[in-house]
Protein backbone atom coordinates (compact mmCIF):
# COMPACT_ATOMS: atom_id res chain seq x y z
CA MET A 1 64.16 10.40 1.62
CA MET A 2 62.24 13.21 3.34
CA ARG A 3 59.76 10.70 4.73
CA TRP A 4 62.60 8.57 6.15
CA ALA A 5 64.25 11.57 7.81
CA GLN A 6 60.98 12.67 9.41
CA LEU A 7 60.35 9.18 10.77
CA TRP A 8 63.82 9.07 12.26
CA GLY A 9 63.31 12.56 13.67
CA ARG A 10 60.15 11.45 15.41
CA ALA A 11 61.88 8.33 16.68
CA GLY A 12 64.67 10.50 18.06
CA ALA A 13 62.14 12.71 19.81
CA LEU A 14 60.45 9.67 21.34
CA LEU A 15 63.81 8.34 22.53
CA CYS A 16 64.59 11.73 24.09
CA ALA A 17 61.20 11.72 25.83
CA ALA A 18 61.81 8.22 27.18
CA ALA A 19 65.24 9.22 28.45
CA PHE A 20 63.85 12.32 30.16
CA GLY A 21 61.11 10.20 31.73
CA MET A 22 63.70 7.89 33.25
CA LEU A 23 65.63 10.90 34.54
CA ALA A 24 62.47 12.28 36.09
CA ALA A 25 61.87 9.00 37.88
CA ALA A 26 65.37 9.09 39.38
CA PRO A 27 65.82 10.27 42.98
CA ALA A 28 66.86 13.81 42.17
CA ALA A 29 67.23 14.92 45.75
CA MET A 30 70.12 12.51 46.00
CA ALA A 31 71.93 13.80 42.91
CA HIS A 32 75.16 14.21 44.91
CA ASN A 33 74.74 11.25 47.21
CA GLN A 34 77.93 9.27 47.74
CA THR A 35 77.94 5.63 46.66
CA TYR A 36 81.44 4.87 47.89
CA ALA A 37 83.44 4.63 51.09
CA VAL A 38 86.76 6.33 51.85
CA ALA A 39 89.54 4.49 53.72
CA GLN A 40 92.44 6.58 55.02
CA ILE A 41 95.04 4.09 56.30
CA ASP A 42 98.19 4.70 58.37
CA VAL A 43 100.74 1.96 59.03
CA ALA A 44 103.12 2.60 61.93
CA GLU A 45 106.65 1.24 62.24
CA ASP A 46 105.50 -1.26 64.87
CA ARG A 47 103.09 -2.58 62.17
CA THR A 48 99.99 -1.16 63.84
CA VAL A 49 97.39 -0.31 61.19
CA ARG A 50 94.86 2.46 61.82
CA ILE A 51 92.00 2.82 59.36
CA ALA A 52 89.58 5.77 59.25
CA LEU A 53 86.63 4.46 57.22
CA SER A 54 84.13 7.12 56.09
CA PHE A 55 80.76 6.19 54.60
CA HIS A 56 77.04 6.56 55.41
CA VAL A 57 77.25 4.90 58.82
CA ALA A 58 73.57 5.21 59.71
CA ALA A 59 72.48 3.64 56.42
CA PHE A 60 75.05 0.86 56.90
CA LEU A 61 73.72 0.13 60.38
CA MET A 62 70.17 0.08 59.00
CA GLY A 63 71.08 -2.51 56.38
CA GLU A 64 72.04 -0.31 53.40
CA ALA A 65 75.79 -0.54 53.04
CA GLN A 66 76.27 2.45 50.76
CA GLY A 67 72.94 4.23 50.61
CA HIS A 68 71.48 7.11 52.57
CA LEU A 69 68.47 7.17 54.86
CA GLY A 70 65.24 8.32 53.23
CA ALA A 71 62.58 10.33 55.07
CA GLU A 72 60.86 7.28 56.62
CA ALA A 73 64.13 5.64 57.66
CA ARG A 74 65.34 8.93 59.16
CA ALA A 75 62.17 9.08 61.25
CA ASP A 76 62.82 5.53 62.53
CA TRP A 77 66.43 6.52 63.25
CA ALA A 78 65.30 9.58 65.21
CA ASP A 79 62.86 7.46 67.27
CA ALA A 80 65.47 4.84 68.19
CA THR A 81 66.58 4.91 71.84
CA ASP A 82 70.22 5.03 72.87
CA ALA A 83 69.94 1.38 73.87
CA ASP A 84 68.61 0.51 70.41
CA LEU A 85 71.48 2.37 68.74
CA ALA A 86 74.03 0.70 71.03
CA ASP A 87 72.74 -2.74 70.00
CA ILE A 88 72.84 -1.78 66.32
CA VAL A 89 76.40 -0.46 66.68
CA ALA A 90 77.50 -3.69 68.39
CA ALA A 91 76.14 -5.70 65.48
CA GLY A 92 77.87 -3.36 63.02
CA SER A 93 81.18 -3.73 64.86
CA ALA A 94 80.93 -7.50 64.74
CA TYR A 95 80.19 -7.37 61.04
CA LEU A 96 83.22 -5.20 60.25
CA ARG A 97 85.50 -7.41 62.35
CA GLU A 98 84.41 -10.39 60.27
CA HIS A 99 84.20 -8.90 56.78
CA LEU A 100 86.79 -6.10 56.60
CA GLU A 101 90.12 -7.69 55.65
CA VAL A 102 93.70 -6.68 56.41
CA TYR A 103 96.61 -8.74 55.07
CA SER A 104 100.14 -9.04 56.43
CA ASP A 105 102.53 -10.51 53.83
CA GLY A 106 99.49 -12.05 52.14
CA ASP A 107 98.04 -13.63 55.30
CA PRO A 108 94.95 -12.35 57.15
CA ALA A 109 95.83 -10.08 60.08
CA PRO A 110 93.59 -9.78 63.16
CA ILE A 111 91.30 -6.79 63.68
CA GLU A 112 92.00 -5.55 67.20
CA ALA A 113 89.40 -2.81 67.60
CA VAL A 114 86.43 -1.22 65.82
CA ALA A 115 85.21 2.14 67.15
CA PHE A 116 82.07 3.85 65.84
CA PRO A 117 81.40 7.55 66.49
CA ASP A 118 79.60 8.32 69.75
CA LEU A 119 75.82 7.96 69.77
CA THR A 120 75.19 11.71 69.66
CA THR A 121 77.28 12.07 66.50
CA LEU A 122 75.76 8.95 64.98
CA ARG A 123 72.23 10.18 65.57
CA ALA A 124 73.01 13.60 64.05
CA ASP A 125 74.70 12.07 60.99
CA GLY A 126 71.72 9.82 60.38
CA LEU A 127 69.36 12.80 60.35
CA VAL A 128 71.21 14.68 57.58
CA PRO A 129 68.70 15.28 54.73
CA GLU A 130 69.21 13.45 51.46
CA ALA A 131 70.02 16.70 49.65
CA GLU A 132 73.06 17.09 51.95
CA ALA A 133 74.14 13.47 51.69
CA ARG A 134 77.78 13.01 52.67
CA PRO A 135 79.98 10.45 54.41
CA SER A 136 79.45 10.41 58.17
CA ALA A 137 82.04 10.79 60.92
CA PRO A 138 84.51 7.94 60.33
CA VAL A 139 84.58 4.51 61.90
CA THR A 140 88.10 3.83 63.20
CA ILE A 141 89.57 0.36 62.96
CA GLN A 142 92.85 -0.95 64.34
CA ALA A 143 94.69 -4.05 63.18
CA ARG A 144 98.17 -5.41 63.71
CA LEU A 145 100.43 -6.92 61.09
CA GLY A 146 102.94 -9.65 61.82
CA PRO A 147 106.34 -8.68 63.29
CA GLY A 148 108.54 -7.28 60.56
CA ALA A 149 105.81 -7.59 57.92
CA SER A 150 107.01 -6.25 54.58
CA THR A 151 103.68 -5.89 52.73
CA PHE A 152 100.19 -4.72 53.58
CA ALA A 153 96.91 -5.17 51.70
CA PHE A 154 93.30 -4.23 52.39
CA ALA A 155 89.80 -5.21 51.29
CA ALA A 156 86.56 -3.51 52.32
CA PRO A 157 83.44 -5.55 53.10
CA PRO A 158 81.92 -7.01 49.91
CA GLU A 159 78.71 -4.99 50.42
CA PHE A 160 80.71 -1.80 49.74
CA ALA A 161 80.41 -1.35 45.98
CA GLU A 162 83.37 1.04 45.77
CA THR A 163 86.03 2.05 48.29
CA LEU A 164 88.64 4.78 47.77
CA MET A 165 91.74 3.72 49.68
CA SER A 166 94.86 5.71 50.48
CA VAL A 167 97.73 4.24 52.49
CA GLU A 168 100.68 5.97 54.15
CA ASP A 169 103.45 4.27 56.12
CA TRP A 170 105.82 5.68 58.76
CA ARG A 171 108.34 6.71 56.09
CA GLY A 172 105.75 8.86 54.32
CA ALA A 173 105.38 6.53 51.34
CA ARG A 174 101.83 6.80 49.94
CA ILE A 175 99.63 5.02 47.48
CA ALA A 176 95.97 5.39 46.46
CA GLN A 177 93.66 2.89 44.83
CA SER A 178 89.96 2.54 44.01
CA LEU A 179 88.59 -0.87 45.03
CA SER A 180 85.44 -2.48 43.69
CA SER A 181 83.23 -4.83 45.69
CA GLY A 182 85.31 -7.52 47.41
CA GLN A 183 88.54 -6.48 45.66
CA ARG A 184 91.82 -6.80 47.55
CA SER A 185 94.24 -3.90 47.12
CA HIS A 186 97.67 -4.22 45.56
CA PRO A 187 100.29 -5.28 48.12
CA PHE A 188 101.87 -2.14 49.56
CA VAL A 189 105.57 -2.55 50.42
CA LEU A 190 106.32 -1.15 53.87
CA GLY A 191 109.34 0.79 55.04
CA ARG A 192 111.78 0.01 52.23
CA GLU A 193 112.21 -0.58 48.54
CA ALA A 194 110.79 -3.76 47.10
CA GLY A 195 113.12 -6.71 46.99
CA ARG A 196 113.21 -9.47 44.41
CA GLY A 197 109.94 -11.34 44.25
CA GLU A 198 107.99 -8.63 46.10
CA VAL A 199 105.24 -6.55 44.58
CA LEU A 200 105.49 -2.78 44.68
CA VAL A 201 102.98 -0.56 42.94
CA ALA A 202 105.18 1.39 40.55
CA VAL A 203 102.66 4.16 40.01
CA PRO A 204 103.52 7.22 42.17
CA ALA A 205 100.89 8.28 44.70
CA TRP A 206 100.13 11.50 42.80
CA ALA A 207 99.49 9.56 39.59
CA ALA A 208 97.27 7.03 41.36
CA ALA A 209 95.32 9.87 42.98
CA ALA A 210 94.99 11.64 39.63
CA ALA A 211 93.64 8.54 37.91
CA GLN A 212 91.31 7.76 40.80
CA PHE A 213 89.84 11.25 41.13
CA GLY A 214 89.71 11.81 37.38
CA TRP A 215 87.49 8.75 37.10
CA LEU A 216 85.35 9.96 40.00
CA GLY A 217 84.90 13.33 38.28
CA PHE A 218 83.82 11.60 35.08
CA VAL A 219 81.28 9.26 36.70
CA HIS A 220 79.94 12.15 38.78
CA ILE A 221 78.69 13.52 35.46
CA LEU A 222 78.05 10.33 33.48
CA PRO A 223 76.02 8.50 34.66
CA ARG A 224 75.54 9.83 38.23
CA GLY A 225 75.15 13.58 37.70
CA LEU A 226 71.61 13.67 36.36
CA ASP A 227 71.14 17.37 37.09
CA HIS A 228 74.42 18.31 35.40
CA ILE A 229 73.54 16.12 32.41
CA LEU A 230 70.26 17.99 31.94
CA PHE A 231 71.97 21.37 32.27
CA VAL A 232 74.49 20.47 29.56
CA LEU A 233 71.68 19.16 27.34
CA ALA A 234 69.84 22.46 27.84
CA LEU A 235 72.95 24.27 26.57
CA PHE A 236 73.08 21.92 23.59
CA LEU A 237 69.42 22.29 22.60
CA LEU A 238 69.47 26.08 22.23
CA ALA A 239 71.48 25.94 19.01
CA PRO A 240 73.41 22.68 18.60
CA SER A 241 76.35 23.96 16.59
CA TRP A 242 79.99 24.59 17.42
CA ARG A 243 80.09 28.35 18.00
CA PRO A 244 77.14 28.84 20.44
CA LEU A 245 78.12 25.69 22.32
CA ALA A 246 81.75 26.84 22.60
CA PHE A 247 80.69 30.15 24.19
CA GLN A 248 78.36 28.48 26.66
CA VAL A 249 80.51 25.49 27.63
CA THR A 250 83.59 27.68 28.08
CA ALA A 251 81.68 30.01 30.41
CA PHE A 252 80.27 27.07 32.35
CA THR A 253 83.67 25.36 32.65
CA LEU A 254 85.50 28.48 33.83
CA ALA A 255 82.84 29.22 36.43
CA HIS A 256 82.54 25.80 38.00
CA SER A 257 86.34 25.33 37.98
CA VAL A 258 86.69 28.48 40.09
CA THR A 259 84.07 27.61 42.71
CA LEU A 260 85.16 23.97 42.82
CA ALA A 261 88.65 25.05 43.86
CA LEU A 262 87.45 27.78 46.24
CA GLY A 263 84.91 25.46 47.84
CA VAL A 264 87.33 22.56 48.36
CA LEU A 265 89.95 24.91 49.83
CA GLY A 266 87.35 26.29 52.26
CA ILE A 267 87.51 29.84 50.93
CA VAL A 268 83.84 29.79 49.91
CA GLU A 269 81.18 27.95 51.90
CA ALA A 270 77.67 27.18 50.65
CA PRO A 271 75.37 24.58 52.24
CA ALA A 272 73.89 21.94 49.96
CA LEU A 273 70.36 22.76 51.13
CA ILE A 274 70.75 26.11 49.30
CA VAL A 275 72.97 25.07 46.40
CA GLU A 276 71.04 21.98 45.29
CA PRO A 277 67.63 23.67 44.75
CA LEU A 278 69.35 26.55 42.93
CA ILE A 279 71.11 24.07 40.63
CA ALA A 280 67.71 22.58 39.79
CA LEU A 281 66.35 26.09 39.12
CA SER A 282 69.27 26.79 36.79
CA ILE A 283 68.14 23.84 34.67
CA VAL A 284 64.63 25.30 34.48
CA ALA A 285 65.95 28.73 33.47
CA MET A 286 68.17 27.45 30.66
CA ALA A 287 65.50 25.11 29.30
CA LEU A 288 62.80 27.81 29.26
CA ASP A 289 65.17 30.22 27.55
CA ASN A 290 65.54 27.61 24.79
CA VAL A 291 61.78 27.71 24.27
CA ARG A 292 61.66 31.51 24.27
CA GLY A 293 64.40 32.03 21.67
CA GLY A 294 66.15 29.97 19.04
CA ARG A 295 69.61 31.53 19.00
CA LEU A 296 72.39 32.57 21.35
CA GLN A 297 71.81 36.00 22.89
CA PRO A 298 74.85 38.07 23.99
CA TRP A 299 73.85 37.87 27.65
CA ARG A 300 73.35 34.11 27.79
CA PRO A 301 77.04 33.11 28.34
CA ALA A 302 77.12 35.49 31.32
CA VAL A 303 74.04 33.79 32.80
CA VAL A 304 75.59 30.38 32.12
CA PHE A 305 78.73 31.58 33.93
CA GLY A 306 76.65 32.52 36.97
CA PHE A 307 74.93 29.15 36.99
CA GLY A 308 78.32 27.48 36.55
CA LEU A 309 79.38 29.03 39.86
CA LEU A 310 76.47 27.18 41.51
CA HIS A 311 77.33 23.87 39.88
CA GLY A 312 80.96 24.27 40.99
CA LEU A 313 79.80 24.61 44.59
CA GLY A 314 77.86 21.37 44.13
CA PHE A 315 81.01 19.66 42.87
CA ALA A 316 82.95 21.10 45.82
CA ASN A 317 80.47 19.66 48.32
CA VAL A 318 81.01 16.25 46.75
CA LEU A 319 84.78 16.51 46.88
CA LYS A 320 84.84 17.85 50.45
CA GLY A 321 82.63 14.98 51.58
CA LEU A 322 84.91 12.53 49.82
CA GLY A 323 88.14 13.94 51.25
CA LEU A 324 91.33 14.49 49.26
CA PRO A 325 94.29 12.11 49.69
CA ARG A 326 96.92 13.50 52.00
CA GLY A 327 99.85 15.07 50.18
CA GLU A 328 98.18 14.73 46.78
CA GLU A 329 95.43 17.36 47.13
CA ALA A 330 96.43 19.33 44.03
CA ALA A 331 96.59 16.26 41.77
CA ALA A 332 93.22 15.04 43.04
CA LEU A 333 91.54 18.43 42.63
CA VAL A 334 92.83 19.06 39.11
CA SER A 335 92.10 15.53 37.90
CA PHE A 336 88.57 15.58 39.36
CA ASN A 337 87.89 18.75 37.38
CA VAL A 338 89.36 17.20 34.23
CA GLY A 339 87.11 14.17 34.74
CA VAL A 340 84.09 16.46 35.05
CA GLU A 341 85.01 18.15 31.76
CA LEU A 342 85.42 14.83 29.99
CA GLY A 343 82.03 13.77 31.33
CA GLN A 344 80.42 16.93 29.96
CA LEU A 345 82.04 16.48 26.57
CA SER A 346 80.80 12.88 26.51
CA VAL A 347 77.24 14.09 27.16
CA LEU A 348 77.54 16.51 24.24
CA ALA A 349 79.00 13.80 22.01
CA LEU A 350 76.11 11.47 22.83
CA ALA A 351 73.63 14.28 22.14
CA PHE A 352 75.17 14.92 18.73
CA LEU A 353 75.14 11.20 18.03
CA ALA A 354 71.45 10.95 18.96
CA VAL A 355 70.02 13.92 17.07
CA GLY A 356 72.91 15.42 15.12
CA TRP A 357 71.52 14.05 11.87
CA PHE A 358 68.50 16.33 12.17
CA ILE A 359 69.99 19.59 13.42
CA ARG A 360 69.70 21.33 10.07
CA ARG A 361 66.17 20.13 9.40
CA GLU A 362 63.57 22.87 9.50
CA TRP A 363 61.46 20.83 11.91
CA PHE A 364 64.30 20.17 14.40
CA ARG A 365 63.41 23.02 16.73
CA ALA A 366 59.66 22.40 16.73
CA ARG A 367 59.79 18.62 17.03
CA ILE A 368 62.92 18.00 19.11
CA ALA A 369 64.52 21.10 20.68
CA VAL A 370 61.37 22.71 22.10
CA PRO A 371 59.67 19.50 23.39
CA ALA A 372 62.94 18.28 24.91
CA SER A 373 63.56 21.68 26.54
CA LEU A 374 60.04 21.70 28.00
CA ALA A 375 60.66 18.20 29.39
CA ILE A 376 63.96 19.35 30.93
CA ALA A 377 62.24 22.40 32.47
CA GLY A 378 59.52 20.20 33.94
CA ILE A 379 62.03 17.80 35.48
CA GLY A 380 64.10 20.68 36.86
CA ALA A 381 60.98 22.26 38.41
CA TRP A 382 60.04 18.94 40.02
CA TRP A 383 63.56 18.51 41.39
CA THR A 384 63.48 22.05 42.81
CA ILE A 385 60.28 21.29 44.72
CA GLU A 386 61.62 17.92 45.84
CA ARG A 387 64.90 19.35 47.12
CA VAL A 388 63.22 22.21 48.97
CA ALA A 389 60.69 19.82 50.53
CA ALA A 390 63.48 17.46 51.63
CA ASN A 391 64.88 20.23 53.84
CA LEU A 392 61.63 21.43 55.41
């Protein structure tokens, strides 16, 4: 029985090492890069549709629909002449006219105009470092529905893996929906209540926004938030039992909830080029403290609280770049934070599932906790260097 447990313990350690190796190979400098577009849509009483589409415009124009320009691509972007950029923008406009879809009572409606930001703004947005990745200045699109159209629907280009859409008509009716690649939105009934045979999304706008942003908060941790995952694992590895984890996770949650709200509301400002390297350093500090001591010290929750303030600013930069749906800011903010918490709890649950069988073994600390913490510290140190270098 002892032999079996030791073999499984070693297997668990190897699995942890493999997982950390994959994390180390991930592009850490882009830990908060956006992989989705945001479509803010207004429908006027004359059935004119105005769409503000926010995404990484420079990457889109360079052939990466929802990526962000790396160092080499940014250099090419900087070297492009105004004439080169004008030609690229013309091609991008033609593409959006053909592949972005607006529907009037179920039938395709014509795209009347596509306007990209001016070349100066475009060039500046393309030169934003990866560590500060955010949606660019929006592309504005105008379409016109048929006279007296009663429903509107929208679909982003199929190359956009995920699009967050919010629609508001002239009466102030709103709806929000997250669209996957090539997905057409629910028909949105315009200007009146739905009649028999018509489709009206029964979910209120605040509930749709809450569901949408709650999911975004969750996936920002699992699987996209590699740095936050490692920080939570560092908290777990110190002493993986209920009481020390409760102290640490509570401190972390309270701290990042505060700075998330203050950052999104514009009360506190912190550039990503400062916040992101410090977040990576916080991972190093927690992991090395695991190696130094094997139990929770009285001061550690206070340190975790301080680091939580940094992580909250990172979350706030994500949410500000995304943009909150008009009129539903509170629901979106609260639900995003709830999604983050659920993501963190999921990470802890997976950690317990992976190595929980061995926590009480005398060799757990020497064979799993310390090696894993050293691996986390090494990855965090590498990310710190990478993020600093990306802004030099």
